[in-house]
Amino acid sequence: MMWESEVTGNVWKLLFEVGATVAAGDVIMILESMKMEIPVEAPVSGVLSEILVATQEQVQEEQVVAVIEN
């Protein structure tokens, strides 16, 4: 399952690495937008197979940021 950013902002912090097992609701990364920290949560449980962004990278609303295989 690919999931998208809900906001435009910068990747402030990545909390998991590729290969990690995540549960639905786990915060995978934190975005910074307009001086606010916005958690990006895993929509499903599974293995984090791809992270498509890097720390300090700017992301756009609806940009795919990661892939989870369940």
N, C-alpha and C. Protein backbone atom coordinates (compact mmCIF):
# COMPACT_ATOMS: atom_id res chain seq x y z
N MET A 1 0.84 -1.18 0.00
CA MET A 1 0.00 0.00 0.00
C MET A 1 0.88 1.24 0.00
N MET A 2 0.64 2.12 -0.95
CA MET A 2 1.36 3.39 -0.99
C MET A 2 0.54 4.41 -0.19
N TRP A 3 1.24 5.27 0.52
CA TRP A 3 0.46 6.31 1.16
C TRP A 3 1.07 7.66 0.90
N GLU A 4 0.17 8.65 0.94
CA GLU A 4 0.48 10.01 0.49
C GLU A 4 0.50 10.98 1.65
N SER A 5 1.26 12.04 1.45
CA SER A 5 1.28 13.13 2.40
C SER A 5 -0.07 13.86 2.32
N GLU A 6 -0.56 14.28 3.46
CA GLU A 6 -1.81 15.03 3.49
C GLU A 6 -1.58 16.54 3.41
N VAL A 7 -0.31 16.96 3.54
CA VAL A 7 0.02 18.39 3.53
C VAL A 7 1.30 18.64 2.75
N THR A 8 1.52 19.87 2.39
CA THR A 8 2.80 20.30 1.83
C THR A 8 3.69 20.71 3.00
N GLY A 9 4.93 20.25 3.00
CA GLY A 9 5.84 20.59 4.08
C GLY A 9 7.20 19.96 3.87
N ASN A 10 8.04 20.03 4.88
CA ASN A 10 9.38 19.45 4.84
C ASN A 10 9.43 18.23 5.74
N VAL A 11 10.19 17.21 5.31
CA VAL A 11 10.38 16.03 6.16
C VAL A 11 11.32 16.45 7.28
N TRP A 12 10.82 16.44 8.49
CA TRP A 12 11.61 16.85 9.64
C TRP A 12 12.36 15.67 10.23
N LYS A 13 11.68 14.50 10.33
CA LYS A 13 12.30 13.35 10.98
C LYS A 13 11.68 12.06 10.45
N LEU A 14 12.54 11.08 10.14
CA LEU A 14 12.10 9.74 9.78
C LEU A 14 12.27 8.86 11.01
N LEU A 15 11.23 8.13 11.40
CA LEU A 15 11.26 7.36 12.64
C LEU A 15 11.49 5.87 12.43
N PHE A 16 11.36 5.38 11.20
CA PHE A 16 11.58 3.97 10.88
C PHE A 16 12.46 3.88 9.65
N GLU A 17 13.08 2.71 9.48
CA GLU A 17 13.89 2.43 8.30
C GLU A 17 13.20 1.38 7.45
N VAL A 18 13.58 1.30 6.18
CA VAL A 18 13.06 0.27 5.29
C VAL A 18 13.33 -1.10 5.91
N GLY A 19 12.32 -1.97 5.85
CA GLY A 19 12.43 -3.30 6.42
C GLY A 19 11.79 -3.43 7.78
N ALA A 20 11.46 -2.32 8.40
CA ALA A 20 10.84 -2.34 9.73
C ALA A 20 9.38 -2.82 9.63
N THR A 21 8.95 -3.54 10.64
CA THR A 21 7.55 -3.92 10.75
C THR A 21 6.82 -2.82 11.51
N VAL A 22 5.72 -2.33 10.93
CA VAL A 22 4.96 -1.24 11.55
C VAL A 22 3.52 -1.68 11.76
N ALA A 23 2.88 -1.08 12.73
CA ALA A 23 1.46 -1.32 13.00
C ALA A 23 0.66 -0.13 12.50
N ALA A 24 -0.57 -0.38 12.15
CA ALA A 24 -1.45 0.72 11.75
C ALA A 24 -1.46 1.76 12.87
N GLY A 25 -1.24 3.01 12.52
CA GLY A 25 -1.22 4.09 13.51
C GLY A 25 0.16 4.47 13.99
N ASP A 26 1.18 3.64 13.71
CA ASP A 26 2.55 4.03 14.08
C ASP A 26 2.94 5.29 13.32
N VAL A 27 3.60 6.20 13.99
CA VAL A 27 4.10 7.41 13.32
C VAL A 27 5.39 7.03 12.61
N ILE A 28 5.38 7.14 11.29
CA ILE A 28 6.53 6.75 10.46
C ILE A 28 7.49 7.91 10.28
N MET A 29 6.93 9.11 10.11
CA MET A 29 7.75 10.30 9.92
C MET A 29 7.01 11.51 10.44
N ILE A 30 7.75 12.60 10.60
CA ILE A 30 7.15 13.85 11.04
C ILE A 30 7.48 14.91 10.00
N LEU A 31 6.43 15.59 9.54
CA LEU A 31 6.60 16.70 8.61
C LEU A 31 6.52 18.00 9.38
N GLU A 32 7.16 19.02 8.84
CA GLU A 32 7.08 20.37 9.41
C GLU A 32 6.41 21.24 8.36
N SER A 33 5.33 21.89 8.77
CA SER A 33 4.62 22.79 7.87
C SER A 33 4.12 23.98 8.67
N MET A 34 4.50 25.15 8.25
CA MET A 34 4.10 26.39 8.92
C MET A 34 4.42 26.36 10.42
N LYS A 35 5.64 25.88 10.74
CA LYS A 35 6.16 25.81 12.11
C LYS A 35 5.41 24.80 12.98
N MET A 36 4.62 23.92 12.36
CA MET A 36 3.90 22.88 13.11
C MET A 36 4.48 21.52 12.74
N GLU A 37 4.56 20.62 13.72
CA GLU A 37 4.99 19.24 13.47
C GLU A 37 3.75 18.40 13.19
N ILE A 38 3.77 17.69 12.06
CA ILE A 38 2.63 16.91 11.63
C ILE A 38 3.04 15.45 11.51
N PRO A 39 2.51 14.56 12.37
CA PRO A 39 2.87 13.15 12.29
C PRO A 39 2.22 12.49 11.08
N VAL A 40 2.98 11.61 10.42
CA VAL A 40 2.46 10.81 9.32
C VAL A 40 2.37 9.39 9.84
N GLU A 41 1.14 8.86 9.94
CA GLU A 41 0.92 7.54 10.52
C GLU A 41 0.74 6.47 9.45
N ALA A 42 1.18 5.27 9.76
CA ALA A 42 0.98 4.13 8.86
C ALA A 42 -0.52 3.83 8.79
N PRO A 43 -1.07 3.74 7.59
CA PRO A 43 -2.50 3.47 7.47
C PRO A 43 -2.85 2.00 7.70
N VAL A 44 -1.87 1.10 7.55
CA VAL A 44 -2.07 -0.34 7.74
C VAL A 44 -0.84 -0.93 8.41
N SER A 45 -0.99 -2.14 8.94
CA SER A 45 0.15 -2.88 9.48
C SER A 45 0.88 -3.59 8.35
N GLY A 46 2.19 -3.76 8.50
CA GLY A 46 2.96 -4.48 7.49
C GLY A 46 4.44 -4.14 7.59
N VAL A 47 5.15 -4.43 6.51
CA VAL A 47 6.59 -4.16 6.44
C VAL A 47 6.81 -2.91 5.59
N LEU A 48 7.57 -1.99 6.11
CA LEU A 48 7.89 -0.76 5.39
C LEU A 48 8.89 -1.10 4.29
N SER A 49 8.41 -1.20 3.05
CA SER A 49 9.27 -1.67 1.96
C SER A 49 9.99 -0.54 1.22
N GLU A 50 9.44 0.67 1.27
CA GLU A 50 10.10 1.81 0.62
C GLU A 50 9.79 3.09 1.39
N ILE A 51 10.79 3.94 1.50
CA ILE A 51 10.60 5.32 1.95
C ILE A 51 11.05 6.18 0.78
N LEU A 52 10.15 6.97 0.26
CA LEU A 52 10.40 7.69 -0.98
C LEU A 52 10.80 9.15 -0.77
N VAL A 53 11.09 9.51 0.47
CA VAL A 53 11.51 10.88 0.79
C VAL A 53 12.70 10.82 1.74
N ALA A 54 13.39 11.93 1.90
CA ALA A 54 14.54 12.02 2.80
C ALA A 54 14.35 13.19 3.76
N THR A 55 15.08 13.16 4.86
CA THR A 55 15.05 14.26 5.82
C THR A 55 15.40 15.56 5.10
N GLN A 56 14.67 16.60 5.42
CA GLN A 56 14.82 17.95 4.87
C GLN A 56 14.23 18.11 3.46
N GLU A 57 13.73 17.03 2.88
CA GLU A 57 13.13 17.12 1.55
C GLU A 57 11.74 17.73 1.65
N GLN A 58 11.40 18.57 0.71
CA GLN A 58 10.06 19.14 0.66
C GLN A 58 9.13 18.17 -0.04
N VAL A 59 7.95 17.98 0.54
CA VAL A 59 6.93 17.12 -0.07
C VAL A 59 5.69 17.95 -0.37
N GLN A 60 4.96 17.50 -1.36
CA GLN A 60 3.73 18.17 -1.76
C GLN A 60 2.53 17.36 -1.27
N GLU A 61 1.40 18.03 -1.11
CA GLU A 61 0.17 17.34 -0.76
C GLU A 61 -0.11 16.26 -1.81
N GLU A 62 -0.48 15.07 -1.36
CA GLU A 62 -0.80 13.91 -2.19
C GLU A 62 0.43 13.24 -2.82
N GLN A 63 1.65 13.64 -2.43
CA GLN A 63 2.86 12.97 -2.90
C GLN A 63 3.02 11.66 -2.14
N VAL A 64 3.31 10.57 -2.85
CA VAL A 64 3.55 9.29 -2.21
C VAL A 64 4.86 9.38 -1.43
N VAL A 65 4.81 9.04 -0.13
CA VAL A 65 5.99 9.16 0.73
C VAL A 65 6.57 7.83 1.17
N ALA A 66 5.77 6.76 1.13
CA ALA A 66 6.26 5.45 1.56
C ALA A 66 5.34 4.34 1.04
N VAL A 67 5.86 3.10 1.12
CA VAL A 67 5.11 1.93 0.70
C VAL A 67 5.19 0.88 1.81
N ILE A 68 4.04 0.31 2.17
CA ILE A 68 3.96 -0.76 3.17
C ILE A 68 3.40 -1.99 2.48
N GLU A 69 4.07 -3.11 2.67
CA GLU A 69 3.56 -4.39 2.17
C GLU A 69 2.98 -5.15 3.34
N ASN A 70 1.74 -5.62 3.20
CA ASN A 70 1.12 -6.36 4.30
C ASN A 70 0.73 -7.75 3.89
